[in-house]
């Protein structure tokens, strides 16, 4: 799941080398933290949070396929 979020984020931003994805948690719950360059925050969040919500939906589907739950937090740089 971490690789999925990293791939999506790097595809969206102007500074892919500054994309940092951290995965924590264990068992059936996973927390993913996404950090990007401050200039790319708008691209990752999107208008009214639509892009971020779409990424969360993709993460949720990927997690459910593995029988897990996952949350995505977009962290400020």
N, C-alpha and C. Protein backbone atom coordinates (compact mmCIF):
# COMPACT_ATOMS: atom_id res chain seq x y z
N UNK A 1 0.82 -1.19 0.00
CA UNK A 1 0.00 0.00 0.00
C UNK A 1 0.86 1.26 0.00
N UNK A 2 1.97 1.19 0.68
CA UNK A 2 2.89 2.31 0.71
C UNK A 2 3.38 2.63 -0.70
N UNK A 3 3.69 1.59 -1.46
CA UNK A 3 4.18 1.78 -2.83
C UNK A 3 3.11 2.42 -3.72
N UNK A 4 1.86 2.05 -3.50
CA UNK A 4 0.76 2.62 -4.28
C UNK A 4 0.67 4.13 -4.04
N UNK A 5 0.69 4.53 -2.79
CA UNK A 5 0.58 5.96 -2.45
C UNK A 5 1.79 6.72 -2.97
N UNK A 6 2.96 6.13 -2.86
CA UNK A 6 4.18 6.78 -3.36
C UNK A 6 4.10 6.97 -4.88
N UNK A 7 3.63 5.97 -5.59
CA UNK A 7 3.50 6.06 -7.04
C UNK A 7 2.52 7.16 -7.44
N UNK A 8 1.37 7.18 -6.79
CA UNK A 8 0.35 8.19 -7.11
C UNK A 8 0.87 9.59 -6.82
N UNK A 9 1.47 9.77 -5.65
CA UNK A 9 1.95 11.10 -5.25
C UNK A 9 3.05 11.59 -6.19
N UNK A 10 3.98 10.72 -6.53
CA UNK A 10 5.07 11.13 -7.42
C UNK A 10 4.55 11.47 -8.81
N UNK A 11 3.45 10.87 -9.21
CA UNK A 11 2.86 11.17 -10.51
C UNK A 11 2.18 12.53 -10.53
N UNK A 12 1.77 13.02 -9.37
CA UNK A 12 1.03 14.28 -9.29
C UNK A 12 1.90 15.51 -9.10
N UNK A 13 3.05 15.37 -8.47
CA UNK A 13 3.82 16.53 -8.01
C UNK A 13 4.91 16.96 -8.99
N UNK A 14 5.40 18.19 -8.78
CA UNK A 14 6.52 18.72 -9.57
C UNK A 14 7.87 18.33 -8.99
N UNK A 15 7.90 17.96 -7.71
CA UNK A 15 9.14 17.59 -7.03
C UNK A 15 9.03 16.16 -6.48
N UNK A 16 9.06 15.15 -7.37
CA UNK A 16 8.86 13.77 -6.90
C UNK A 16 9.96 13.27 -5.96
N UNK A 17 11.13 13.88 -6.03
CA UNK A 17 12.22 13.46 -5.14
C UNK A 17 11.95 13.83 -3.69
N UNK A 18 10.98 14.72 -3.44
CA UNK A 18 10.68 15.14 -2.08
C UNK A 18 9.44 14.46 -1.50
N UNK A 19 8.93 13.47 -2.19
CA UNK A 19 7.79 12.71 -1.69
C UNK A 19 8.28 11.72 -0.64
N UNK A 20 7.69 11.79 0.54
CA UNK A 20 8.05 10.88 1.63
C UNK A 20 6.78 10.18 2.09
N UNK A 21 6.81 8.86 2.10
CA UNK A 21 5.67 8.06 2.54
C UNK A 21 6.13 7.18 3.68
N UNK A 22 5.44 7.29 4.81
CA UNK A 22 5.75 6.46 5.98
C UNK A 22 4.53 5.61 6.32
N UNK A 23 4.79 4.36 6.61
CA UNK A 23 3.71 3.43 6.97
C UNK A 23 3.92 2.98 8.40
N UNK A 24 2.86 3.03 9.19
CA UNK A 24 2.95 2.58 10.58
C UNK A 24 1.71 1.77 10.92
N UNK A 25 1.76 1.17 12.06
CA UNK A 25 0.65 0.33 12.48
C UNK A 25 0.93 -1.12 12.15
N UNK A 26 0.10 -1.95 12.66
CA UNK A 26 0.28 -3.37 12.41
C UNK A 26 -1.05 -4.08 12.47
N UNK A 27 -1.02 -5.34 12.24
CA UNK A 27 -2.25 -6.12 12.26
C UNK A 27 -3.18 -5.72 11.14
N UNK A 28 -4.41 -5.42 11.49
CA UNK A 28 -5.40 -5.10 10.47
C UNK A 28 -5.53 -3.60 10.20
N UNK A 29 -4.80 -2.78 10.94
CA UNK A 29 -4.88 -1.33 10.74
C UNK A 29 -3.53 -0.77 10.32
N UNK A 30 -3.56 0.06 9.30
CA UNK A 30 -2.34 0.68 8.80
C UNK A 30 -2.57 2.18 8.66
N UNK A 31 -1.57 2.95 9.04
CA UNK A 31 -1.62 4.40 8.88
C UNK A 31 -0.51 4.80 7.93
N UNK A 32 -0.86 5.58 6.91
CA UNK A 32 0.12 6.04 5.94
C UNK A 32 0.19 7.56 6.02
N UNK A 33 1.41 8.07 6.19
CA UNK A 33 1.64 9.50 6.23
C UNK A 33 2.34 9.91 4.94
N UNK A 34 1.79 10.90 4.27
CA UNK A 34 2.33 11.41 3.02
C UNK A 34 2.81 12.83 3.23
N UNK A 35 4.06 13.07 2.88
CA UNK A 35 4.64 14.41 2.98
C UNK A 35 5.23 14.78 1.62
N UNK A 36 4.92 15.99 1.17
CA UNK A 36 5.42 16.47 -0.12
C UNK A 36 5.96 17.89 0.05
N UNK A 37 6.63 18.38 -0.96
CA UNK A 37 7.13 19.75 -0.97
C UNK A 37 5.96 20.71 -0.78
N UNK A 38 6.19 21.81 -0.07
CA UNK A 38 5.10 22.74 0.22
C UNK A 38 4.47 23.31 -1.05
N UNK A 39 5.24 23.41 -2.12
CA UNK A 39 4.71 23.91 -3.39
C UNK A 39 3.76 22.90 -4.05
N UNK A 40 3.85 21.64 -3.66
CA UNK A 40 3.03 20.58 -4.26
C UNK A 40 1.80 20.22 -3.42
N UNK A 41 1.65 20.84 -2.26
CA UNK A 41 0.53 20.49 -1.38
C UNK A 41 -0.82 20.68 -2.07
N UNK A 42 -0.96 21.76 -2.81
CA UNK A 42 -2.22 22.02 -3.51
C UNK A 42 -2.56 20.94 -4.52
N UNK A 43 -1.55 20.42 -5.18
CA UNK A 43 -1.78 19.36 -6.18
C UNK A 43 -2.21 18.06 -5.51
N UNK A 44 -1.66 17.77 -4.36
CA UNK A 44 -1.98 16.52 -3.66
C UNK A 44 -3.35 16.62 -2.98
N UNK A 45 -3.66 17.78 -2.44
CA UNK A 45 -4.95 17.95 -1.75
C UNK A 45 -6.07 18.19 -2.75
N UNK A 46 -5.82 19.05 -3.72
CA UNK A 46 -6.83 19.34 -4.74
C UNK A 46 -7.89 20.30 -4.24
N UNK A 47 -8.73 20.73 -5.16
CA UNK A 47 -9.79 21.68 -4.83
C UNK A 47 -10.80 21.00 -3.92
N UNK A 48 -11.03 21.61 -2.78
CA UNK A 48 -11.94 21.07 -1.75
C UNK A 48 -11.54 19.68 -1.29
N UNK A 49 -10.27 19.32 -1.44
CA UNK A 49 -9.78 18.03 -0.97
C UNK A 49 -10.15 16.86 -1.86
N UNK A 50 -10.56 17.12 -3.08
CA UNK A 50 -11.03 16.04 -3.95
C UNK A 50 -9.93 15.06 -4.33
N UNK A 51 -8.73 15.56 -4.60
CA UNK A 51 -7.64 14.65 -4.97
C UNK A 51 -7.25 13.78 -3.78
N UNK A 52 -7.12 14.41 -2.60
CA UNK A 52 -6.77 13.65 -1.40
C UNK A 52 -7.82 12.59 -1.10
N UNK A 53 -9.08 12.93 -1.26
CA UNK A 53 -10.15 11.96 -1.01
C UNK A 53 -10.11 10.82 -2.03
N UNK A 54 -9.76 11.13 -3.26
CA UNK A 54 -9.63 10.08 -4.27
C UNK A 54 -8.49 9.13 -3.94
N UNK A 55 -7.37 9.68 -3.47
CA UNK A 55 -6.24 8.84 -3.07
C UNK A 55 -6.65 7.97 -1.89
N UNK A 56 -7.39 8.54 -0.94
CA UNK A 56 -7.87 7.76 0.21
C UNK A 56 -8.78 6.62 -0.23
N UNK A 57 -9.62 6.88 -1.22
CA UNK A 57 -10.52 5.84 -1.72
C UNK A 57 -9.73 4.69 -2.35
N UNK A 58 -8.72 5.02 -3.15
CA UNK A 58 -7.87 3.98 -3.74
C UNK A 58 -7.15 3.19 -2.66
N UNK A 59 -6.67 3.88 -1.63
CA UNK A 59 -5.99 3.21 -0.52
C UNK A 59 -6.95 2.28 0.21
N UNK A 60 -8.17 2.74 0.42
CA UNK A 60 -9.17 1.93 1.12
C UNK A 60 -9.46 0.64 0.34
N UNK A 61 -9.60 0.76 -0.96
CA UNK A 61 -9.87 -0.42 -1.80
C UNK A 61 -8.69 -1.40 -1.74
N UNK A 62 -7.47 -0.87 -1.85
CA UNK A 62 -6.28 -1.73 -1.79
C UNK A 62 -6.18 -2.42 -0.44
N UNK A 63 -6.50 -1.70 0.62
CA UNK A 63 -6.43 -2.28 1.97
C UNK A 63 -7.50 -3.37 2.15
N UNK A 64 -8.69 -3.10 1.68
CA UNK A 64 -9.77 -4.08 1.83
C UNK A 64 -9.48 -5.37 1.06
N UNK A 65 -8.78 -5.25 -0.05
CA UNK A 65 -8.40 -6.45 -0.80
C UNK A 65 -7.47 -7.34 0.01
N UNK A 66 -6.74 -6.73 0.95
CA UNK A 66 -5.84 -7.48 1.82
C UNK A 66 -6.48 -7.78 3.17
N UNK A 67 -7.74 -7.42 3.33
CA UNK A 67 -8.44 -7.66 4.59
C UNK A 67 -7.99 -6.72 5.70
N UNK A 68 -7.59 -5.52 5.35
CA UNK A 68 -7.09 -4.55 6.32
C UNK A 68 -7.85 -3.24 6.21
N UNK A 69 -7.55 -2.35 7.15
CA UNK A 69 -8.05 -0.98 7.11
C UNK A 69 -6.85 -0.07 7.02
N UNK A 70 -6.99 1.02 6.27
CA UNK A 70 -5.87 1.94 6.13
C UNK A 70 -6.38 3.37 6.12
N UNK A 71 -5.58 4.27 6.69
CA UNK A 71 -5.89 5.69 6.67
C UNK A 71 -4.72 6.44 6.07
N UNK A 72 -5.02 7.55 5.44
CA UNK A 72 -3.99 8.39 4.83
C UNK A 72 -4.03 9.76 5.47
N UNK A 73 -2.87 10.21 5.94
CA UNK A 73 -2.72 11.56 6.47
C UNK A 73 -1.74 12.30 5.59
N UNK A 74 -2.16 13.46 5.09
CA UNK A 74 -1.27 14.32 4.32
C UNK A 74 -0.65 15.29 5.31
N UNK A 75 0.66 15.17 5.49
CA UNK A 75 1.37 15.96 6.50
C UNK A 75 1.91 17.25 5.88
N UNK A 76 1.87 18.32 6.65
CA UNK A 76 2.47 19.57 6.20
C UNK A 76 3.98 19.49 6.33
N UNK A 77 4.70 20.06 5.35
CA UNK A 77 6.17 19.99 5.41
C UNK A 77 6.74 20.85 6.53
